Amino acid sequence: MRLPPLLLACALVACASSGKTASSESVTQAATPGGLATASFVRTTADAPAIRSIDVRDGQSRQAAMRGLTDVLSQKYVVDVVDPRAGFAMTTWQASLVRDGVPDPRYRTRFVARFVDEWKSLQLRSEARFTRSGDPDVGYDSAQLDSLANDVRAKLGKKQ
């Protein structure tokens, strides 16, 4: 269903007059004529909000850290790429919203994890795409990212 150009223009004017800027770092919900992608989808092209840093527990070998990361990732996601030498892992794109018992391919998420600072820290990044009609909205899923970061922190993170 296509929106009439006048209705689309009114929506754009309303957004422009709300005081929000249309920068690459704007953070908004992705609204569709049928509703929102999900409440936890945040539309942004900035990397900083989509990354969680986790301090890795001291004394863990690189092999153990990599194995722990892939174990946590594979509990909920399909791990697509693993490079143990580079300390890198990435999941496949996964349709995660379920509508009427069927995954919705319009909303997809994946995670990219990389050990940094000589394996002392792990950066976990979420990527999400929500396609309405044409170009997808890009961003991240804050709920999935926080949940996975907590799971990884429990497995690999420093004890509090």
C-alpha atoms as a PDB file:
ATOM      1  CA  MET A   1       0.000   0.000   0.000  1.00  0.00           C
ATOM      2  CA  ARG A   2       1.469   3.357  -1.058  1.00  0.00           C
ATOM      3  CA  LEU A   3       0.855   6.498   0.891  1.00  0.00           C
ATOM      4  CA  PRO A   4      -0.492   9.457  -1.070  1.00  0.00           C
ATOM      5  CA  PRO A   5       2.231  12.054  -1.699  1.00  0.00           C
ATOM      6  CA  LEU A   6       0.314  14.712   0.261  1.00  0.00           C
ATOM      7  CA  LEU A   7       0.140  12.491   3.353  1.00  0.00           C
ATOM      8  CA  LEU A   8       3.842  11.688   3.050  1.00  0.00           C
ATOM      9  CA  ALA A   9       4.682  15.391   2.716  1.00  0.00           C
ATOM     10  CA  CYS A  10       2.617  16.194   5.825  1.00  0.00           C
ATOM     11  CA  ALA A  11       4.456  13.520   7.797  1.00  0.00           C
ATOM     12  CA  LEU A  12       7.831  14.903   6.702  1.00  0.00           C
ATOM     13  CA  VAL A  13       6.835  18.464   7.614  1.00  0.00           C
ATOM     14  CA  ALA A  14       5.608  17.290  11.023  1.00  0.00           C
ATOM     15  CA  CYS A  15       8.905  15.521  11.695  1.00  0.00           C
ATOM     16  CA  ALA A  16      10.921  18.508  10.519  1.00  0.00           C
ATOM     17  CA  SER A  17       8.992  20.916  12.709  1.00  0.00           C
ATOM     18  CA  SER A  18       9.352  18.763  15.831  1.00  0.00           C
ATOM     19  CA  GLY A  19      12.845  20.148  16.427  1.00  0.00           C
ATOM     20  CA  LYS A  20      14.684  16.928  15.609  1.00  0.00           C
ATOM     21  CA  THR A  21      17.565  17.096  13.182  1.00  0.00           C
ATOM     22  CA  ALA A  22      18.026  14.631  10.376  1.00  0.00           C
ATOM     23  CA  SER A  23      21.680  13.889  11.070  1.00  0.00           C
ATOM     24  CA  SER A  24      23.330  10.531  10.679  1.00  0.00           C
ATOM     25  CA  GLU A  25      23.238  10.172  14.459  1.00  0.00           C
ATOM     26  CA  SER A  26      19.531  10.666  14.931  1.00  0.00           C
ATOM     27  CA  VAL A  27      17.935   7.966  17.028  1.00  0.00           C
ATOM     28  CA  THR A  28      14.278   7.295  16.303  1.00  0.00           C
ATOM     29  CA  GLN A  29      11.816   4.454  16.085  1.00  0.00           C
ATOM     30  CA  ALA A  30      11.109   3.018  12.624  1.00  0.00           C
ATOM     31  CA  ALA A  31       7.398   3.576  12.129  1.00  0.00           C
ATOM     32  CA  THR A  32       5.463   1.847   9.397  1.00  0.00           C
ATOM     33  CA  PRO A  33       1.869   2.213   8.251  1.00  0.00           C
ATOM     34  CA  GLY A  34       1.206  -1.076  10.064  1.00  0.00           C
ATOM     35  CA  GLY A  35       3.095  -0.142  13.240  1.00  0.00           C
ATOM     36  CA  LEU A  36       6.643  -0.228  14.561  1.00  0.00           C
ATOM     37  CA  ALA A  37       9.391  -2.647  13.647  1.00  0.00           C
ATOM     38  CA  THR A  38       9.838  -3.425  17.318  1.00  0.00           C
ATOM     39  CA  ALA A  39      10.055  -1.215  20.352  1.00  0.00           C
ATOM     40  CA  SER A  40      13.763  -2.017  20.752  1.00  0.00           C
ATOM     41  CA  PHE A  41      14.793  -1.113  17.181  1.00  0.00           C
ATOM     42  CA  VAL A  42      16.775   2.121  17.165  1.00  0.00           C
ATOM     43  CA  ARG A  43      17.366   3.713  13.786  1.00  0.00           C
ATOM     44  CA  THR A  44      20.869   5.171  13.574  1.00  0.00           C
ATOM     45  CA  THR A  45      23.986   5.042  11.451  1.00  0.00           C
ATOM     46  CA  ALA A  46      26.279   5.878  14.365  1.00  0.00           C
ATOM     47  CA  ASP A  47      28.388   3.007  15.673  1.00  0.00           C
ATOM     48  CA  ALA A  48      28.825   4.146  19.271  1.00  0.00           C
ATOM     49  CA  PRO A  49      25.329   3.369  20.600  1.00  0.00           C
ATOM     50  CA  ALA A  50      25.286  -0.027  18.870  1.00  0.00           C
ATOM     51  CA  ILE A  51      28.440  -1.280  20.625  1.00  0.00           C
ATOM     52  CA  ARG A  52      28.876  -2.740  24.094  1.00  0.00           C
ATOM     53  CA  SER A  53      32.406  -3.164  25.474  1.00  0.00           C
ATOM     54  CA  ILE A  54      33.106  -6.021  27.849  1.00  0.00           C
ATOM     55  CA  ASP A  55      36.314  -6.313  29.873  1.00  0.00           C
ATOM     56  CA  VAL A  56      37.581  -9.893  29.567  1.00  0.00           C
ATOM     57  CA  ARG A  57      38.455 -11.798  32.726  1.00  0.00           C
ATOM     58  CA  ASP A  58      42.204 -11.875  33.491  1.00  0.00           C
ATOM     59  CA  GLY A  59      44.102 -15.102  32.931  1.00  0.00           C
ATOM     60  CA  GLN A  60      41.848 -16.467  30.186  1.00  0.00           C
ATOM     61  CA  SER A  61      43.614 -17.906  27.180  1.00  0.00           C
ATOM     62  CA  ARG A  62      42.677 -16.718  23.710  1.00  0.00           C
ATOM     63  CA  GLN A  63      41.298 -20.146  22.878  1.00  0.00           C
ATOM     64  CA  ALA A  64      39.107 -20.233  25.977  1.00  0.00           C
ATOM     65  CA  ALA A  65      37.851 -16.691  25.350  1.00  0.00           C
ATOM     66  CA  MET A  66      37.014 -17.466  21.726  1.00  0.00           C
ATOM     67  CA  ARG A  67      35.300 -20.730  22.673  1.00  0.00           C
ATOM     68  CA  GLY A  68      33.277 -18.954  25.363  1.00  0.00           C
ATOM     69  CA  LEU A  69      32.204 -16.267  22.892  1.00  0.00           C
ATOM     70  CA  THR A  70      31.082 -18.743  20.250  1.00  0.00           C
ATOM     71  CA  ASP A  71      29.269 -20.817  22.894  1.00  0.00           C
ATOM     72  CA  VAL A  72      27.251 -17.806  24.033  1.00  0.00           C
ATOM     73  CA  LEU A  73      26.532 -16.633  20.488  1.00  0.00           C
ATOM     74  CA  SER A  74      25.428 -20.076  19.310  1.00  0.00           C
ATOM     75  CA  GLN A  75      22.888 -20.457  22.134  1.00  0.00           C
ATOM     76  CA  LYS A  76      20.498 -18.033  20.401  1.00  0.00           C
ATOM     77  CA  TYR A  77      22.029 -17.313  16.981  1.00  0.00           C
ATOM     78  CA  VAL A  78      23.714 -19.052  14.070  1.00  0.00           C
ATOM     79  CA  VAL A  79      27.425 -18.216  14.038  1.00  0.00           C
ATOM     80  CA  ASP A  80      28.453 -17.569  10.437  1.00  0.00           C
ATOM     81  CA  VAL A  81      32.084 -16.420  10.538  1.00  0.00           C
ATOM     82  CA  VAL A  82      34.737 -17.211  13.134  1.00  0.00           C
ATOM     83  CA  ASP A  83      38.375 -16.158  12.904  1.00  0.00           C
ATOM     84  CA  PRO A  84      40.183 -17.274  16.079  1.00  0.00           C
ATOM     85  CA  ARG A  85      43.461 -15.608  15.088  1.00  0.00           C
ATOM     86  CA  ALA A  86      41.822 -12.207  14.667  1.00  0.00           C
ATOM     87  CA  GLY A  87      39.434 -12.718  17.588  1.00  0.00           C
ATOM     88  CA  PHE A  88      36.397 -12.143  15.382  1.00  0.00           C
ATOM     89  CA  ALA A  89      32.952 -13.754  15.196  1.00  0.00           C
ATOM     90  CA  MET A  90      29.798 -12.802  13.323  1.00  0.00           C
ATOM     91  CA  THR A  91      26.299 -14.267  13.274  1.00  0.00           C
ATOM     92  CA  THR A  92      24.084 -14.640  10.233  1.00  0.00           C
ATOM     93  CA  TRP A  93      21.289 -12.199   9.489  1.00  0.00           C
ATOM     94  CA  GLN A  94      18.292 -13.564  11.319  1.00  0.00           C
ATOM     95  CA  ALA A  95      14.624 -12.661  10.994  1.00  0.00           C
ATOM     96  CA  SER A  96      13.642 -12.275  14.597  1.00  0.00           C
ATOM     97  CA  LEU A  97      10.177 -10.759  14.746  1.00  0.00           C
ATOM     98  CA  VAL A  98       7.457 -13.357  14.668  1.00  0.00           C
ATOM     99  CA  ARG A  99       4.069 -12.408  13.299  1.00  0.00           C
ATOM    100  CA  ASP A 100       1.374 -15.074  13.363  1.00  0.00           C
ATOM    101  CA  GLY A 101       3.997 -17.733  14.129  1.00  0.00           C
ATOM    102  CA  VAL A 102       6.143 -16.879  11.075  1.00  0.00           C
ATOM    103  CA  PRO A 103       9.418 -14.923  11.154  1.00  0.00           C
ATOM    104  CA  ASP A 104       9.081 -11.533   9.477  1.00  0.00           C
ATOM    105  CA  PRO A 105      11.887 -11.169   6.885  1.00  0.00           C
ATOM    106  CA  ARG A 106      11.423  -7.376   6.867  1.00  0.00           C
ATOM    107  CA  TYR A 107      13.244  -7.156  10.239  1.00  0.00           C
ATOM    108  CA  ARG A 108      16.666  -8.803  10.474  1.00  0.00           C
ATOM    109  CA  THR A 109      19.450  -8.623  13.036  1.00  0.00           C
ATOM    110  CA  ARG A 110      23.016  -9.865  13.421  1.00  0.00           C
ATOM    111  CA  PHE A 111      25.934  -9.446  15.804  1.00  0.00           C
ATOM    112  CA  VAL A 112      29.614  -8.809  15.239  1.00  0.00           C
ATOM    113  CA  ALA A 113      32.106  -9.491  18.046  1.00  0.00           C
ATOM    114  CA  ARG A 114      35.784  -8.577  18.078  1.00  0.00           C
ATOM    115  CA  PHE A 115      38.438  -8.917  20.764  1.00  0.00           C
ATOM    116  CA  VAL A 116      40.519  -5.721  21.064  1.00  0.00           C
ATOM    117  CA  ASP A 117      43.391  -4.407  23.206  1.00  0.00           C
ATOM    118  CA  GLU A 118      45.367  -7.641  23.109  1.00  0.00           C
ATOM    119  CA  TRP A 119      42.249  -9.697  23.959  1.00  0.00           C
ATOM    120  CA  LYS A 120      41.605  -7.713  27.151  1.00  0.00           C
ATOM    121  CA  SER A 121      38.310  -6.328  25.904  1.00  0.00           C
ATOM    122  CA  LEU A 122      35.499  -7.493  23.635  1.00  0.00           C
ATOM    123  CA  GLN A 123      33.422  -5.204  21.449  1.00  0.00           C
ATOM    124  CA  LEU A 124      29.946  -6.529  20.707  1.00  0.00           C
ATOM    125  CA  ARG A 125      28.054  -4.713  17.950  1.00  0.00           C
ATOM    126  CA  SER A 126      24.430  -5.128  16.934  1.00  0.00           C
ATOM    127  CA  GLU A 127      23.178  -4.485  13.405  1.00  0.00           C
ATOM    128  CA  ALA A 128      19.518  -4.398  12.432  1.00  0.00           C
ATOM    129  CA  ARG A 129      17.680  -3.753   9.179  1.00  0.00           C
ATOM    130  CA  PHE A 130      13.994  -2.977   8.851  1.00  0.00           C
ATOM    131  CA  THR A 131      12.696  -2.863   5.283  1.00  0.00           C
ATOM    132  CA  ARG A 132       9.470  -1.040   4.653  1.00  0.00           C
ATOM    133  CA  SER A 133       9.222  -0.365   0.940  1.00  0.00           C
ATOM    134  CA  GLY A 134      12.567  -0.154  -0.768  1.00  0.00           C
ATOM    135  CA  ASP A 135      15.631   0.921   1.175  1.00  0.00           C
ATOM    136  CA  PRO A 136      15.973  -0.574   4.661  1.00  0.00           C
ATOM    137  CA  ASP A 137      16.195   1.470   7.828  1.00  0.00           C
ATOM    138  CA  VAL A 138      19.499   0.679   9.499  1.00  0.00           C
ATOM    139  CA  GLY A 139      20.179   0.640  13.207  1.00  0.00           C
ATOM    140  CA  TYR A 140      20.439  -1.796  16.073  1.00  0.00           C
ATOM    141  CA  ASP A 141      18.211  -3.751  18.439  1.00  0.00           C
ATOM    142  CA  SER A 142      18.872  -2.412  21.932  1.00  0.00           C
ATOM    143  CA  ALA A 143      17.069  -5.222  23.792  1.00  0.00           C
ATOM    144  CA  GLN A 144      18.864  -8.006  21.934  1.00  0.00           C
ATOM    145  CA  LEU A 145      22.212  -6.215  22.303  1.00  0.00           C
ATOM    146  CA  ASP A 146      21.801  -5.696  26.044  1.00  0.00           C
ATOM    147  CA  SER A 147      20.656  -9.286  26.558  1.00  0.00           C
ATOM    148  CA  LEU A 148      23.560 -10.749  24.594  1.00  0.00           C
ATOM    149  CA  ALA A 149      26.061  -8.392  26.269  1.00  0.00           C
ATOM    150  CA  ASN A 150      24.843  -9.582  29.693  1.00  0.00           C
ATOM    151  CA  ASP A 151      25.213 -13.234  28.626  1.00  0.00           C
ATOM    152  CA  VAL A 152      28.727 -12.645  27.271  1.00  0.00           C
ATOM    153  CA  ARG A 153      29.692 -10.630  30.372  1.00  0.00           C
ATOM    154  CA  ALA A 154      28.539 -13.499  32.597  1.00  0.00           C
ATOM    155  CA  LYS A 155      30.654 -15.992  30.636  1.00  0.00           C
ATOM    156  CA  LEU A 156      33.792 -13.943  29.866  1.00  0.00           C
ATOM    157  CA  GLY A 157      33.655 -10.735  31.887  1.00  0.00           C
ATOM    158  CA  LYS A 158      35.616  -9.737  34.920  1.00  0.00           C
ATOM    159  CA  LYS A 159      34.077 -10.704  38.244  1.00  0.00           C
ATOM    160  CA  GLN A 160      32.494  -7.774  40.052  1.00  0.00           C
END
